[in-house]
Amino acid sequence: MTRRKPFHIMRRATGNGRRATDREETPVETEQKLQRLKEILREMEKITKEIGMSMSQLSLAWLLANPAITSPIIGASRLEQLEDNVDVANRPILAQALKRISEVSKPDWLREQEQMEAQSRVFREQRRSYWQKRLEEKR
């Protein structure tokens, strides 16, 4: 019976802990990701100023409101941080603020999919309108 190599050893064989199928990011891709993260942080800063919460409180509130996340992990290293994070459970947060965070942090592939679906809806409506006009002309 042959033993299988542990996955971490196989990854090490490709160098830098990367899989052989992974490719290096180009500088343009890295810059795009950085700009995207800055955009998300700017929006979160606006929201924290509007509702009077810290960034960690807002992040935790968003995680708690997200039904896909079952147990957010708090990374507090001091008692003040823990108290700050626990305080989130006692503070109401506007659904609109949570929606803004979800919208700005939406992955690019999901944004592209939503844009394609919107374009498809417009096209279907235009096609339906065109054929309705054609039917009315025949009558």
Protein backbone atom coordinates (compact mmCIF):
# COMPACT_ATOMS: atom_id res chain seq x y z
CA MET A 1 0.00 0.00 0.00
CA THR A 2 1.44 3.37 -0.98
CA ARG A 3 1.01 6.35 1.25
CA ARG A 4 -0.22 9.59 -0.21
CA LYS A 5 1.85 12.68 0.35
CA PRO A 6 0.26 15.31 2.55
CA PHE A 7 -1.07 18.26 0.56
CA HIS A 8 1.28 20.77 2.19
CA ILE A 9 4.29 18.76 1.00
CA MET A 10 2.97 18.69 -2.57
CA ARG A 11 2.43 22.45 -2.47
CA ARG A 12 5.94 22.99 -1.15
CA ALA A 13 7.33 21.15 -4.16
CA THR A 14 6.06 23.85 -6.52
CA GLY A 15 7.84 26.63 -4.61
CA ASN A 16 6.50 29.48 -2.48
CA GLY A 17 3.64 27.32 -1.24
CA ARG A 18 1.74 27.89 -4.47
CA ARG A 19 -0.01 25.31 -6.57
CA ALA A 20 1.43 24.65 -9.99
CA THR A 21 -1.78 26.02 -11.55
CA ASP A 22 -1.54 29.34 -9.70
CA ARG A 23 -0.10 32.24 -11.64
CA GLU A 24 1.55 35.40 -10.43
CA GLU A 25 -0.55 38.55 -10.39
CA THR A 26 0.46 41.25 -12.77
CA PRO A 27 1.20 44.69 -11.33
CA VAL A 28 -1.99 45.98 -12.98
CA GLU A 29 -4.10 43.33 -11.21
CA THR A 30 -2.44 44.11 -7.90
CA GLU A 31 -3.13 47.82 -8.36
CA GLN A 32 -6.77 47.12 -9.29
CA LYS A 33 -7.25 45.06 -6.14
CA LEU A 34 -5.63 47.77 -4.05
CA GLN A 35 -7.90 50.44 -5.54
CA ARG A 36 -10.94 48.23 -4.91
CA LEU A 37 -9.96 47.76 -1.25
CA LYS A 38 -9.45 51.52 -0.84
CA GLU A 39 -12.92 52.11 -2.30
CA ILE A 40 -14.45 49.69 0.23
CA LEU A 41 -12.58 51.28 3.13
CA ARG A 42 -13.61 54.82 2.10
CA GLU A 43 -17.26 53.80 2.05
CA MET A 44 -16.94 52.06 5.41
CA GLU A 45 -15.30 55.16 6.91
CA LYS A 46 -18.23 57.29 5.69
CA ILE A 47 -20.70 54.90 7.26
CA THR A 48 -18.84 54.75 10.59
CA LYS A 49 -18.89 58.55 10.83
CA GLU A 50 -22.61 58.66 10.01
CA ILE A 51 -23.68 56.08 12.59
CA GLY A 52 -20.99 56.59 15.25
CA MET A 53 -19.41 53.14 15.24
CA SER A 54 -15.81 52.01 14.95
CA MET A 55 -14.63 50.11 11.89
CA SER A 56 -14.39 46.89 13.88
CA GLN A 57 -17.93 47.35 15.22
CA LEU A 58 -19.31 48.01 11.76
CA SER A 59 -17.47 45.01 10.32
CA LEU A 60 -18.74 42.76 13.09
CA ALA A 61 -22.30 44.08 12.72
CA TRP A 62 -22.16 43.32 8.99
CA LEU A 63 -20.91 39.79 9.68
CA LEU A 64 -23.62 39.19 12.31
CA ALA A 65 -26.31 40.39 9.89
CA ASN A 66 -25.06 38.11 7.11
CA PRO A 67 -27.00 34.80 7.25
CA ALA A 68 -24.24 32.98 5.36
CA ILE A 69 -21.80 33.58 8.22
CA THR A 70 -22.62 31.39 11.19
CA SER A 71 -19.91 32.34 13.66
CA PRO A 72 -17.78 35.44 13.19
CA ILE A 73 -14.49 35.32 15.06
CA ILE A 74 -13.48 38.29 17.18
CA GLY A 75 -9.75 38.96 17.23
CA ALA A 76 -9.50 41.02 20.40
CA SER A 77 -6.14 41.20 22.15
CA ARG A 78 -7.17 43.72 24.83
CA LEU A 79 -10.18 43.98 27.11
CA GLU A 80 -11.22 47.31 25.55
CA GLN A 81 -11.36 45.67 22.10
CA LEU A 82 -13.49 42.84 23.45
CA GLU A 83 -15.90 45.28 25.14
CA ASP A 84 -16.05 47.35 21.95
CA ASN A 85 -16.95 44.27 19.91
CA VAL A 86 -19.48 42.89 22.42
CA ASP A 87 -21.20 46.30 22.43
CA VAL A 88 -22.24 45.65 18.81
CA ALA A 89 -24.91 43.19 19.98
CA ASN A 90 -26.59 45.96 22.01
CA ARG A 91 -26.55 48.62 19.28
CA PRO A 92 -29.04 48.72 16.45
CA ILE A 93 -27.60 49.31 13.01
CA LEU A 94 -29.52 50.56 10.04
CA ALA A 95 -30.27 48.02 7.36
CA GLN A 96 -29.39 50.71 4.82
CA ALA A 97 -25.82 50.90 6.17
CA LEU A 98 -25.43 47.14 5.96
CA LYS A 99 -26.80 47.19 2.42
CA ARG A 100 -24.27 49.87 1.42
CA ILE A 101 -21.40 47.74 2.74
CA SER A 102 -22.71 44.67 0.92
CA GLU A 103 -23.05 46.63 -2.29
CA VAL A 104 -19.61 48.22 -2.22
CA SER A 105 -17.86 44.99 -1.22
CA LYS A 106 -19.63 42.83 -3.78
CA PRO A 107 -17.15 40.69 -5.74
CA ASP A 108 -16.39 41.83 -9.28
CA TRP A 109 -17.65 38.59 -10.83
CA LEU A 110 -21.03 39.11 -9.11
CA ARG A 111 -21.22 42.74 -10.27
CA GLU A 112 -20.49 41.61 -13.83
CA GLN A 113 -23.14 38.92 -13.61
CA GLU A 114 -25.73 41.41 -12.35
CA GLN A 115 -24.85 43.82 -15.16
CA MET A 116 -25.27 41.07 -17.74
CA GLU A 117 -28.64 40.10 -16.23
CA ALA A 118 -29.77 43.73 -16.30
CA GLN A 119 -28.72 44.07 -19.94
CA SER A 120 -30.55 40.85 -20.73
CA ARG A 121 -33.72 42.17 -19.08
CA VAL A 122 -33.50 45.38 -21.11
CA PHE A 123 -32.99 43.40 -24.31
CA ARG A 124 -35.98 41.13 -23.55
CA GLU A 125 -38.16 44.16 -22.82
CA GLN A 126 -37.09 45.85 -26.06
CA ARG A 127 -37.78 42.66 -28.03
CA ARG A 128 -41.21 42.24 -26.38
CA SER A 129 -42.05 45.88 -27.11
CA TYR A 130 -40.94 45.51 -30.73
CA TRP A 131 -43.13 42.47 -31.32
CA GLN A 132 -46.12 44.05 -29.60
CA LYS A 133 -45.87 47.01 -31.98
CA ARG A 134 -45.61 44.68 -34.94
CA LEU A 135 -48.74 42.78 -33.82
CA GLU A 136 -50.65 46.03 -33.34
CA GLU A 137 -49.65 47.17 -36.85
CA LYS A 138 -51.08 43.98 -38.37
CA ARG A 139 -54.41 44.45 -36.66
